[in-house]
Amino acid sequence: MTETRKDDDMAQDQAQPPEAEDFLEPDELSSLRAERDDMRDRFMRVLADAENSRKRAERDRREAEQYGGTKLARDLLPVYDNLRRALDFATDEQRTQASALIEGVDLTMRELLNVLTKHGVMLIMPQIGDTFDPQQHQAMFEAPLPGTKAGQIIQVMTEGFLLHERLLRPAQVGVSSNTQG
């Protein structure tokens, strides 16, 4: 029975492959280890590059989804401006005589705003007396106006628009240049 165990142990020893150290010269072994380490480093770098590319592609896809309609939205803003002007300049007499037409223009403008809002376009409507914000407003002129403070909006020419959180068009305003209120 002892003989059988010795035979089994010998068979096991013969079944296991010899270690690299057993048949390689030390220089060859260190060269192979250096090559292995280099390959591992290159693999990790390629893996990191692939992950960065995936993240960049995802960010680009999200931005294209959110901001892909920027050009179309900008092209529609003059339509809004013209509808707004038509309503602002309609006199009371015109409103009485052509009430259906004025109502149609008003409904068209509201529908345009609803569609723009549905796609992430938000109206910036500064009010007279608000403080000028260069992030959302464009100063078209500065003028001293009694009873106002410097930097207060004194006139609104056109509303501005945001596409999600990005400025699509600044509101065009006049700003007080008074140094005293």
N, C-alpha and C. Protein backbone atom coordinates (compact mmCIF):
# COMPACT_ATOMS: atom_id res chain seq x y z
N MET A 1 0.82 -1.17 0.00
CA MET A 1 0.00 0.00 0.00
C MET A 1 0.87 1.25 0.00
N THR A 2 2.00 1.21 0.63
CA THR A 2 2.92 2.32 0.66
C THR A 2 3.47 2.55 -0.74
N GLU A 3 3.71 1.49 -1.46
CA GLU A 3 4.21 1.59 -2.82
C GLU A 3 3.22 2.34 -3.70
N THR A 4 1.93 2.08 -3.51
CA THR A 4 0.89 2.71 -4.33
C THR A 4 0.89 4.22 -4.07
N ARG A 5 1.09 4.57 -2.83
CA ARG A 5 1.11 5.99 -2.51
C ARG A 5 2.32 6.66 -3.14
N LYS A 6 3.42 6.05 -3.10
CA LYS A 6 4.62 6.60 -3.73
C LYS A 6 4.41 6.74 -5.23
N ASP A 7 3.77 5.76 -5.85
CA ASP A 7 3.48 5.84 -7.28
C ASP A 7 2.54 7.00 -7.58
N ASP A 8 1.52 7.17 -6.70
CA ASP A 8 0.57 8.28 -6.88
C ASP A 8 1.27 9.62 -6.75
N ASP A 9 2.15 9.74 -5.76
CA ASP A 9 2.89 10.98 -5.56
C ASP A 9 3.79 11.26 -6.75
N MET A 10 4.41 10.26 -7.29
CA MET A 10 5.28 10.42 -8.45
C MET A 10 4.46 10.84 -9.67
N ALA A 11 3.28 10.26 -9.80
CA ALA A 11 2.41 10.61 -10.93
C ALA A 11 1.96 12.07 -10.81
N GLN A 12 1.68 12.48 -9.57
CA GLN A 12 1.26 13.86 -9.35
C GLN A 12 2.40 14.81 -9.66
N ASP A 13 3.58 14.49 -9.23
CA ASP A 13 4.74 15.33 -9.51
C ASP A 13 4.98 15.45 -11.00
N GLN A 14 4.80 14.37 -11.70
CA GLN A 14 5.02 14.39 -13.15
C GLN A 14 3.90 15.15 -13.86
N ALA A 15 2.66 15.19 -13.31
CA ALA A 15 1.53 15.87 -13.95
C ALA A 15 1.63 17.38 -13.81
N GLN A 16 2.30 17.88 -12.79
CA GLN A 16 2.41 19.32 -12.59
C GLN A 16 3.52 19.86 -13.49
N PRO A 17 3.24 20.97 -14.16
CA PRO A 17 4.28 21.54 -15.02
C PRO A 17 5.40 22.14 -14.17
N PRO A 18 6.56 22.13 -14.68
CA PRO A 18 7.68 22.72 -13.93
C PRO A 18 7.52 24.23 -13.87
N GLU A 19 8.01 24.85 -12.84
CA GLU A 19 7.96 26.31 -12.69
C GLU A 19 8.92 26.94 -13.70
N ALA A 20 8.60 28.20 -14.09
CA ALA A 20 9.44 28.90 -15.06
C ALA A 20 10.87 29.04 -14.55
N GLU A 21 11.00 29.19 -13.24
CA GLU A 21 12.33 29.35 -12.66
C GLU A 21 13.19 28.09 -12.88
N ASP A 22 12.51 26.93 -13.06
CA ASP A 22 13.24 25.67 -13.18
C ASP A 22 14.00 25.54 -14.50
N PHE A 23 13.53 26.22 -15.56
CA PHE A 23 14.21 26.01 -16.84
C PHE A 23 14.59 27.30 -17.56
N LEU A 24 14.32 28.49 -16.97
CA LEU A 24 14.71 29.76 -17.59
C LEU A 24 15.90 30.36 -16.85
N GLU A 25 16.71 31.05 -17.61
CA GLU A 25 17.82 31.77 -17.04
C GLU A 25 17.24 33.00 -16.31
N PRO A 26 17.90 33.49 -15.29
CA PRO A 26 17.39 34.65 -14.55
C PRO A 26 17.17 35.88 -15.44
N ASP A 27 18.04 36.10 -16.43
CA ASP A 27 17.86 37.25 -17.33
C ASP A 27 16.61 37.09 -18.17
N GLU A 28 16.38 35.86 -18.66
CA GLU A 28 15.18 35.60 -19.46
C GLU A 28 13.92 35.78 -18.63
N LEU A 29 13.95 35.31 -17.41
CA LEU A 29 12.80 35.41 -16.52
C LEU A 29 12.48 36.87 -16.22
N SER A 30 13.47 37.67 -15.89
CA SER A 30 13.19 39.08 -15.61
C SER A 30 12.74 39.81 -16.87
N SER A 31 13.24 39.41 -18.03
CA SER A 31 12.79 40.01 -19.29
C SER A 31 11.32 39.68 -19.54
N LEU A 32 10.93 38.44 -19.30
CA LEU A 32 9.53 38.04 -19.48
C LEU A 32 8.62 38.75 -18.47
N ARG A 33 9.09 38.88 -17.24
CA ARG A 33 8.29 39.59 -16.24
C ARG A 33 8.11 41.06 -16.63
N ALA A 34 9.16 41.68 -17.13
CA ALA A 34 9.07 43.08 -17.57
C ALA A 34 8.09 43.21 -18.74
N GLU A 35 8.15 42.25 -19.67
CA GLU A 35 7.23 42.26 -20.80
C GLU A 35 5.78 42.07 -20.31
N ARG A 36 5.59 41.15 -19.35
CA ARG A 36 4.26 40.92 -18.79
C ARG A 36 3.74 42.20 -18.12
N ASP A 37 4.59 42.84 -17.34
CA ASP A 37 4.19 44.07 -16.66
C ASP A 37 3.86 45.17 -17.65
N ASP A 38 4.66 45.25 -18.72
CA ASP A 38 4.38 46.23 -19.78
C ASP A 38 3.04 45.96 -20.45
N MET A 39 2.76 44.69 -20.74
CA MET A 39 1.49 44.31 -21.37
C MET A 39 0.31 44.62 -20.44
N ARG A 40 0.50 44.33 -19.16
CA ARG A 40 -0.56 44.61 -18.18
C ARG A 40 -0.83 46.11 -18.13
N ASP A 41 0.24 46.92 -18.12
CA ASP A 41 0.10 48.38 -18.09
C ASP A 41 -0.61 48.87 -19.34
N ARG A 42 -0.23 48.37 -20.49
CA ARG A 42 -0.87 48.77 -21.75
C ARG A 42 -2.34 48.36 -21.76
N PHE A 43 -2.63 47.16 -21.26
CA PHE A 43 -4.01 46.69 -21.20
C PHE A 43 -4.85 47.60 -20.31
N MET A 44 -4.32 47.98 -19.15
CA MET A 44 -5.05 48.85 -18.23
C MET A 44 -5.29 50.23 -18.85
N ARG A 45 -4.30 50.73 -19.58
CA ARG A 45 -4.47 52.02 -20.25
C ARG A 45 -5.55 51.95 -21.34
N VAL A 46 -5.54 50.88 -22.12
CA VAL A 46 -6.55 50.71 -23.17
C VAL A 46 -7.93 50.56 -22.54
N LEU A 47 -8.01 49.85 -21.45
CA LEU A 47 -9.27 49.68 -20.73
C LEU A 47 -9.78 51.03 -20.22
N ALA A 48 -8.90 51.84 -19.66
CA ALA A 48 -9.27 53.18 -19.17
C ALA A 48 -9.70 54.07 -20.34
N ASP A 49 -8.97 54.01 -21.46
CA ASP A 49 -9.35 54.80 -22.64
C ASP A 49 -10.73 54.39 -23.15
N ALA A 50 -11.01 53.10 -23.15
CA ALA A 50 -12.32 52.62 -23.61
C ALA A 50 -13.42 53.13 -22.69
N GLU A 51 -13.19 53.12 -21.40
CA GLU A 51 -14.18 53.62 -20.44
C GLU A 51 -14.39 55.13 -20.62
N ASN A 52 -13.29 55.87 -20.80
CA ASN A 52 -13.41 57.31 -21.04
C ASN A 52 -14.17 57.59 -22.34
N SER A 53 -13.91 56.81 -23.37
CA SER A 53 -14.63 56.99 -24.64
C SER A 53 -16.11 56.70 -24.48
N ARG A 54 -16.44 55.69 -23.70
CA ARG A 54 -17.85 55.36 -23.45
C ARG A 54 -18.54 56.51 -22.72
N LYS A 55 -17.88 57.05 -21.70
CA LYS A 55 -18.45 58.17 -20.94
C LYS A 55 -18.60 59.40 -21.82
N ARG A 56 -17.59 59.68 -22.65
CA ARG A 56 -17.65 60.84 -23.55
C ARG A 56 -18.78 60.68 -24.56
N ALA A 57 -18.93 59.49 -25.10
CA ALA A 57 -20.01 59.24 -26.07
C ALA A 57 -21.37 59.40 -25.41
N GLU A 58 -21.51 58.96 -24.18
CA GLU A 58 -22.78 59.12 -23.45
C GLU A 58 -23.08 60.59 -23.20
N ARG A 59 -22.04 61.35 -22.80
CA ARG A 59 -22.23 62.79 -22.57
C ARG A 59 -22.60 63.50 -23.88
N ASP A 60 -21.92 63.13 -24.97
CA ASP A 60 -22.22 63.73 -26.28
C ASP A 60 -23.64 63.39 -26.72
N ARG A 61 -24.08 62.16 -26.45
CA ARG A 61 -25.44 61.76 -26.82
C ARG A 61 -26.47 62.58 -26.04
N ARG A 62 -26.22 62.75 -24.73
CA ARG A 62 -27.14 63.54 -23.90
C ARG A 62 -27.20 64.99 -24.38
N GLU A 63 -26.02 65.56 -24.68
CA GLU A 63 -25.99 66.95 -25.15
C GLU A 63 -26.69 67.08 -26.50
N ALA A 64 -26.49 66.13 -27.39
CA ALA A 64 -27.15 66.18 -28.69
C ALA A 64 -28.67 66.08 -28.52
N GLU A 65 -29.09 65.27 -27.57
CA GLU A 65 -30.52 65.12 -27.31
C GLU A 65 -31.10 66.42 -26.75
N GLN A 66 -30.38 67.05 -25.80
CA GLN A 66 -30.87 68.27 -25.18
C GLN A 66 -30.72 69.50 -26.07
N TYR A 67 -29.58 69.61 -26.72
CA TYR A 67 -29.26 70.86 -27.42
C TYR A 67 -29.23 70.72 -28.94
N GLY A 68 -29.64 69.58 -29.46
CA GLY A 68 -29.62 69.35 -30.90
C GLY A 68 -30.56 70.28 -31.65
N GLY A 69 -31.61 70.74 -31.00
CA GLY A 69 -32.58 71.62 -31.65
C GLY A 69 -32.28 73.09 -31.48
N THR A 70 -31.08 73.42 -31.07
CA THR A 70 -30.73 74.82 -30.82
C THR A 70 -30.93 75.70 -32.05
N LYS A 71 -30.45 75.26 -33.19
CA LYS A 71 -30.56 76.06 -34.42
C LYS A 71 -32.03 76.28 -34.79
N LEU A 72 -32.83 75.24 -34.74
CA LEU A 72 -34.25 75.38 -35.05
C LEU A 72 -34.93 76.32 -34.05
N ALA A 73 -34.63 76.17 -32.77
CA ALA A 73 -35.23 77.04 -31.76
C ALA A 73 -34.86 78.50 -32.01
N ARG A 74 -33.57 78.75 -32.32
CA ARG A 74 -33.15 80.13 -32.61
C ARG A 74 -33.87 80.68 -33.84
N ASP A 75 -34.07 79.83 -34.83
CA ASP A 75 -34.77 80.27 -36.05
C ASP A 75 -36.23 80.58 -35.79
N LEU A 76 -36.82 79.99 -34.75
CA LEU A 76 -38.24 80.24 -34.44
C LEU A 76 -38.44 81.48 -33.57
N LEU A 77 -37.40 81.98 -32.94
CA LEU A 77 -37.54 83.13 -32.05
C LEU A 77 -38.06 84.39 -32.77
N PRO A 78 -37.62 84.69 -34.00
CA PRO A 78 -38.20 85.85 -34.70
C PRO A 78 -39.71 85.69 -34.96
N VAL A 79 -40.17 84.46 -35.11
CA VAL A 79 -41.61 84.23 -35.29
C VAL A 79 -42.33 84.66 -34.01
N TYR A 80 -41.80 84.26 -32.86
CA TYR A 80 -42.37 84.68 -31.58
C TYR A 80 -42.35 86.21 -31.48
N ASP A 81 -41.20 86.82 -31.81
CA ASP A 81 -41.07 88.28 -31.71
C ASP A 81 -42.11 88.98 -32.57
N ASN A 82 -42.32 88.51 -33.80
CA ASN A 82 -43.29 89.14 -34.70
C ASN A 82 -44.73 88.97 -34.19
N LEU A 83 -45.05 87.82 -33.66
CA LEU A 83 -46.38 87.62 -33.08
C LEU A 83 -46.56 88.54 -31.87
N ARG A 84 -45.53 88.65 -31.03
CA ARG A 84 -45.60 89.53 -29.85
C ARG A 84 -45.80 90.98 -30.29
N ARG A 85 -45.03 91.42 -31.31
CA ARG A 85 -45.18 92.80 -31.81
C ARG A 85 -46.58 93.05 -32.36
N ALA A 86 -47.11 92.08 -33.10
CA ALA A 86 -48.46 92.23 -33.67
C ALA A 86 -49.47 92.43 -32.55
N LEU A 87 -49.35 91.68 -31.49
CA LEU A 87 -50.29 91.84 -30.37
C LEU A 87 -50.06 93.13 -29.60
N ASP A 88 -48.80 93.52 -29.40
CA ASP A 88 -48.49 94.73 -28.64
C ASP A 88 -48.94 96.00 -29.38
N PHE A 89 -48.88 95.99 -30.71
CA PHE A 89 -49.21 97.20 -31.47
C PHE A 89 -50.66 97.27 -31.92
N ALA A 90 -51.43 96.26 -31.64
CA ALA A 90 -52.84 96.30 -32.02
C ALA A 90 -53.56 97.28 -31.10
N THR A 91 -54.24 98.25 -31.72
CA THR A 91 -54.97 99.24 -30.94
C THR A 91 -56.29 98.64 -30.44
N ASP A 92 -56.93 99.34 -29.51
CA ASP A 92 -58.23 98.88 -28.99
C ASP A 92 -59.26 98.81 -30.12
N GLU A 93 -59.18 99.77 -31.03
CA GLU A 93 -60.12 99.78 -32.17
C GLU A 93 -59.90 98.55 -33.05
N GLN A 94 -58.64 98.24 -33.33
CA GLN A 94 -58.32 97.06 -34.14
C GLN A 94 -58.73 95.78 -33.42
N ARG A 95 -58.56 95.75 -32.13
CA ARG A 95 -58.95 94.59 -31.34
C ARG A 95 -60.46 94.38 -31.41
N THR A 96 -61.21 95.47 -31.44
CA THR A 96 -62.67 95.37 -31.52
C THR A 96 -63.10 94.93 -32.92
N GLN A 97 -62.53 95.56 -33.94
CA GLN A 97 -62.92 95.28 -35.32
C GLN A 97 -62.47 93.89 -35.81
N ALA A 98 -61.30 93.47 -35.39
CA ALA A 98 -60.76 92.20 -35.87
C ALA A 98 -60.46 91.27 -34.69
N SER A 99 -61.43 91.13 -33.82
CA SER A 99 -61.19 90.35 -32.60
C SER A 99 -60.82 88.90 -32.91
N ALA A 100 -61.43 88.32 -33.94
CA ALA A 100 -61.12 86.93 -34.30
C ALA A 100 -59.67 86.81 -34.78
N LEU A 101 -59.21 87.78 -35.56
CA LEU A 101 -57.84 87.78 -36.05
C LEU A 101 -56.85 87.93 -34.89
N ILE A 102 -57.11 88.87 -34.01
CA ILE A 102 -56.24 89.10 -32.85
C ILE A 102 -56.21 87.85 -31.97
N GLU A 103 -57.37 87.24 -31.78
CA GLU A 103 -57.44 86.02 -30.97
C GLU A 103 -56.64 84.90 -31.63
N GLY A 104 -56.71 84.81 -32.95
CA GLY A 104 -55.93 83.79 -33.68
C GLY A 104 -54.43 84.00 -33.53
N VAL A 105 -54.00 85.25 -33.62
CA VAL A 105 -52.58 85.56 -33.44
C VAL A 105 -52.15 85.21 -32.02
N ASP A 106 -53.00 85.56 -31.04
CA ASP A 106 -52.69 85.26 -29.64
C ASP A 106 -52.60 83.75 -29.41
N LEU A 107 -53.54 83.00 -29.96
CA LEU A 107 -53.53 81.54 -29.82
C LEU A 107 -52.30 80.93 -30.49
N THR A 108 -51.93 81.47 -31.65
CA THR A 108 -50.74 80.97 -32.37
C THR A 108 -49.48 81.21 -31.54
N MET A 109 -49.39 82.41 -30.95
CA MET A 109 -48.23 82.72 -30.13
C MET A 109 -48.18 81.81 -28.89
N ARG A 110 -49.30 81.59 -28.25
CA ARG A 110 -49.32 80.71 -27.08
C ARG A 110 -48.95 79.28 -27.46
N GLU A 111 -49.44 78.81 -28.61
CA GLU A 111 -49.10 77.45 -29.05
C GLU A 111 -47.60 77.33 -29.36
N LEU A 112 -47.05 78.36 -29.98
CA LEU A 112 -45.61 78.37 -30.25
C LEU A 112 -44.84 78.29 -28.93
N LEU A 113 -45.25 79.07 -27.93
CA LEU A 113 -44.59 79.02 -26.62
C LEU A 113 -44.74 77.65 -25.97
N ASN A 114 -45.92 77.03 -26.11
CA ASN A 114 -46.14 75.68 -25.55
C ASN A 114 -45.20 74.66 -26.19
N VAL A 115 -45.04 74.74 -27.51
CA VAL A 115 -44.15 73.80 -28.21
C VAL A 115 -42.70 74.04 -27.80
N LEU A 116 -42.30 75.29 -27.73
CA LEU A 116 -40.93 75.60 -27.31
C LEU A 116 -40.68 75.10 -25.88
N THR A 117 -41.64 75.34 -24.98
CA THR A 117 -41.51 74.89 -23.59
C THR A 117 -41.42 73.37 -23.52
N LYS A 118 -42.21 72.69 -24.33
CA LYS A 118 -42.19 71.23 -24.36
C LYS A 118 -40.79 70.70 -24.70
N HIS A 119 -40.05 71.47 -25.49
CA HIS A 119 -38.71 71.05 -25.91
C HIS A 119 -37.60 71.73 -25.10
N GLY A 120 -37.95 72.27 -23.93
CA GLY A 120 -36.95 72.80 -23.02
C GLY A 120 -36.59 74.26 -23.19
N VAL A 121 -37.32 74.99 -24.04
CA VAL A 121 -37.04 76.41 -24.24
C VAL A 121 -37.89 77.20 -23.24
N MET A 122 -37.21 78.00 -22.43
CA MET A 122 -37.88 78.79 -21.39
C MET A 122 -37.74 80.27 -21.69
N LEU A 123 -38.79 81.01 -21.44
CA LEU A 123 -38.83 82.45 -21.68
C LEU A 123 -38.16 83.19 -20.52
N ILE A 124 -37.33 84.17 -20.84
CA ILE A 124 -36.75 85.08 -19.84
C ILE A 124 -37.49 86.40 -20.00
N MET A 125 -38.29 86.75 -19.01
CA MET A 125 -39.10 87.96 -19.09
C MET A 125 -38.69 88.94 -17.99
N PRO A 126 -37.66 89.75 -18.24
CA PRO A 126 -37.27 90.73 -17.21
C PRO A 126 -38.36 91.81 -17.10
N GLN A 127 -38.44 92.38 -15.92
CA GLN A 127 -39.42 93.44 -15.66
C GLN A 127 -38.67 94.75 -15.43
N ILE A 128 -39.32 95.85 -15.70
CA ILE A 128 -38.75 97.16 -15.43
C ILE A 128 -38.52 97.24 -13.92
N GLY A 129 -37.32 97.65 -13.55
CA GLY A 129 -36.95 97.73 -12.15
C GLY A 129 -36.07 96.56 -11.70
N ASP A 130 -36.08 95.46 -12.46
CA ASP A 130 -35.20 94.34 -12.13
C ASP A 130 -33.75 94.77 -12.27
N THR A 131 -32.87 94.06 -11.62
CA THR A 131 -31.43 94.33 -11.73
C THR A 131 -30.89 93.65 -12.99
N PHE A 132 -30.07 94.37 -13.72
CA PHE A 132 -29.43 93.85 -14.93
C PHE A 132 -28.55 92.66 -14.58
N ASP A 133 -28.71 91.57 -15.33
CA ASP A 133 -27.91 90.35 -15.14
C ASP A 133 -27.24 90.03 -16.47
N PRO A 134 -25.93 90.23 -16.57
CA PRO A 134 -25.24 90.00 -17.85
C PRO A 134 -25.29 88.54 -18.32
N GLN A 135 -25.66 87.63 -17.41
CA GLN A 135 -25.79 86.21 -17.80
C GLN A 135 -27.08 85.96 -18.58
N GLN A 136 -28.07 86.87 -18.43
CA GLN A 136 -29.35 86.66 -19.10
C GLN A 136 -29.81 87.87 -19.91
N HIS A 137 -29.18 89.01 -19.72
CA HIS A 137 -29.63 90.23 -20.39
C HIS A 137 -28.51 90.81 -21.26
N GLN A 138 -28.93 91.50 -22.31
CA GLN A 138 -28.00 92.24 -23.15
C GLN A 138 -28.41 93.70 -23.08
N ALA A 139 -27.51 94.56 -22.61
CA ALA A 139 -27.81 95.99 -22.50
C ALA A 139 -27.73 96.61 -23.89
N MET A 140 -28.84 97.16 -24.35
CA MET A 140 -28.88 97.79 -25.67
C MET A 140 -28.51 99.27 -25.56
N PHE A 141 -28.77 99.86 -24.39
CA PHE A 141 -28.38 101.24 -24.15
C PHE A 141 -28.35 101.48 -22.64
N GLU A 142 -27.69 102.57 -22.25
CA GLU A 142 -27.68 103.03 -20.87
C GLU A 142 -28.15 104.48 -20.89
N ALA A 143 -29.00 104.82 -19.93
CA ALA A 143 -29.49 106.19 -19.86
C ALA A 143 -29.81 106.52 -18.41
N PRO A 144 -29.56 107.78 -18.04
CA PRO A 144 -29.94 108.19 -16.68
C PRO A 144 -31.46 108.39 -16.64
N LEU A 145 -32.10 107.81 -15.66
CA LEU A 145 -33.54 107.96 -15.51
C LEU A 145 -33.82 108.29 -14.06
N PRO A 146 -34.41 109.46 -13.81
CA PRO A 146 -34.68 109.85 -12.42
C PRO A 146 -35.51 108.78 -11.71
N GLY A 147 -35.18 108.57 -10.45
CA GLY A 147 -35.92 107.62 -9.63
C GLY A 147 -35.46 106.17 -9.78
N THR A 148 -34.35 105.95 -10.49
CA THR A 148 -33.83 104.59 -10.65
C THR A 148 -32.39 104.54 -10.14
N LYS A 149 -31.94 103.33 -9.91
CA LYS A 149 -30.55 103.11 -9.50
C LYS A 149 -29.76 102.57 -10.69
N ALA A 150 -28.47 102.80 -10.67
CA ALA A 150 -27.60 102.27 -11.73
C ALA A 150 -27.75 100.75 -11.79
N GLY A 151 -27.89 100.23 -12.99
CA GLY A 151 -28.00 98.78 -13.17
C GLY A 151 -29.42 98.26 -13.17
N GLN A 152 -30.39 99.14 -12.96
CA GLN A 152 -31.80 98.70 -13.03
C GLN A 152 -32.27 98.72 -14.47
N ILE A 153 -33.11 97.76 -14.81
CA ILE A 153 -33.68 97.71 -16.15
C ILE A 153 -34.75 98.79 -16.25
N ILE A 154 -34.65 99.62 -17.29
CA ILE A 154 -35.62 100.70 -17.48
C ILE A 154 -36.49 100.48 -18.72
N GLN A 155 -36.10 99.54 -19.58
CA GLN A 155 -36.91 99.21 -20.76
C GLN A 155 -36.56 97.79 -21.21
N VAL A 156 -37.59 97.06 -21.69
CA VAL A 156 -37.39 95.72 -22.23
C VAL A 156 -37.77 95.75 -23.70
N MET A 157 -36.79 95.46 -24.57
CA MET A 157 -37.06 95.46 -26.02
C MET A 157 -37.54 94.08 -26.47
N THR A 158 -36.83 93.04 -26.10
CA THR A 158 -37.25 91.67 -26.45
C THR A 158 -36.97 90.75 -25.27
N GLU A 159 -37.80 89.73 -25.16
CA GLU A 159 -37.58 88.72 -24.13
C GLU A 159 -36.40 87.84 -24.56
N GLY A 160 -35.83 87.19 -23.57
CA GLY A 160 -34.74 86.25 -23.85
C GLY A 160 -35.25 84.83 -23.72
N PHE A 161 -34.40 83.88 -24.07
CA PHE A 161 -34.78 82.48 -24.01
C PHE A 161 -33.61 81.63 -23.54
N LEU A 162 -33.92 80.60 -22.76
CA LEU A 162 -32.97 79.58 -22.34
C LEU A 162 -33.37 78.27 -22.98
N LEU A 163 -32.41 77.48 -23.38
CA LEU A 163 -32.66 76.11 -23.82
C LEU A 163 -32.09 75.23 -22.73
N HIS A 164 -32.98 74.62 -21.96
CA HIS A 164 -32.63 73.92 -20.72
C HIS A 164 -31.92 74.93 -19.83
N GLU A 165 -30.65 74.81 -19.60
CA GLU A 165 -29.96 75.78 -18.75
C GLU A 165 -28.98 76.63 -19.54
N ARG A 166 -29.00 76.52 -20.85
CA ARG A 166 -28.06 77.24 -21.71
C ARG A 166 -28.78 78.44 -22.34
N LEU A 167 -28.12 79.58 -22.35
CA LEU A 167 -28.71 80.79 -22.92
C LEU A 167 -28.85 80.64 -24.43
N LEU A 168 -30.07 80.78 -24.91
CA LEU A 168 -30.35 80.71 -26.34
C LEU A 168 -30.27 82.12 -26.94
N ARG A 169 -30.90 83.06 -26.23
CA ARG A 169 -30.84 84.47 -26.65
C ARG A 169 -31.05 85.33 -25.40
N PRO A 170 -30.18 86.32 -25.17
CA PRO A 170 -30.37 87.18 -24.01
C PRO A 170 -31.56 88.13 -24.23
N ALA A 171 -32.20 88.51 -23.16
CA ALA A 171 -33.24 89.54 -23.23
C ALA A 171 -32.55 90.86 -23.53
N GLN A 172 -33.10 91.63 -24.44
CA GLN A 172 -32.51 92.92 -24.80
C GLN A 172 -33.20 94.00 -23.98
N VAL A 173 -32.38 94.74 -23.22
CA VAL A 173 -32.93 95.70 -22.26
C VAL A 173 -32.17 97.02 -22.30
N GLY A 174 -32.83 98.06 -21.80
CA GLY A 174 -32.19 99.33 -21.53
C GLY A 174 -31.90 99.39 -20.04
N VAL A 175 -30.78 100.00 -19.67
CA VAL A 175 -30.33 99.99 -18.27
C VAL A 175 -30.09 101.42 -17.80
N SER A 176 -30.45 101.67 -16.55
CA SER A 176 -30.22 102.97 -15.96
C SER A 176 -28.74 103.16 -15.67
N SER A 177 -28.27 104.40 -15.91
CA SER A 177 -26.88 104.70 -15.62
C SER A 177 -26.77 105.68 -14.45
N ASN A 178 -27.87 105.88 -13.74
CA ASN A 178 -27.87 106.79 -12.58
C ASN A 178 -26.88 106.30 -11.54
N THR A 179 -26.17 107.24 -10.93
CA THR A 179 -25.27 106.86 -9.86
C THR A 179 -25.97 106.99 -8.51
N GLN A 180 -27.10 107.68 -8.49
CA GLN A 180 -27.89 107.81 -7.27
C GLN A 180 -29.33 107.47 -7.58
N GLY A 181 -30.04 106.95 -6.59
CA GLY A 181 -31.43 106.56 -6.79
C GLY A 181 -32.42 107.58 -6.51
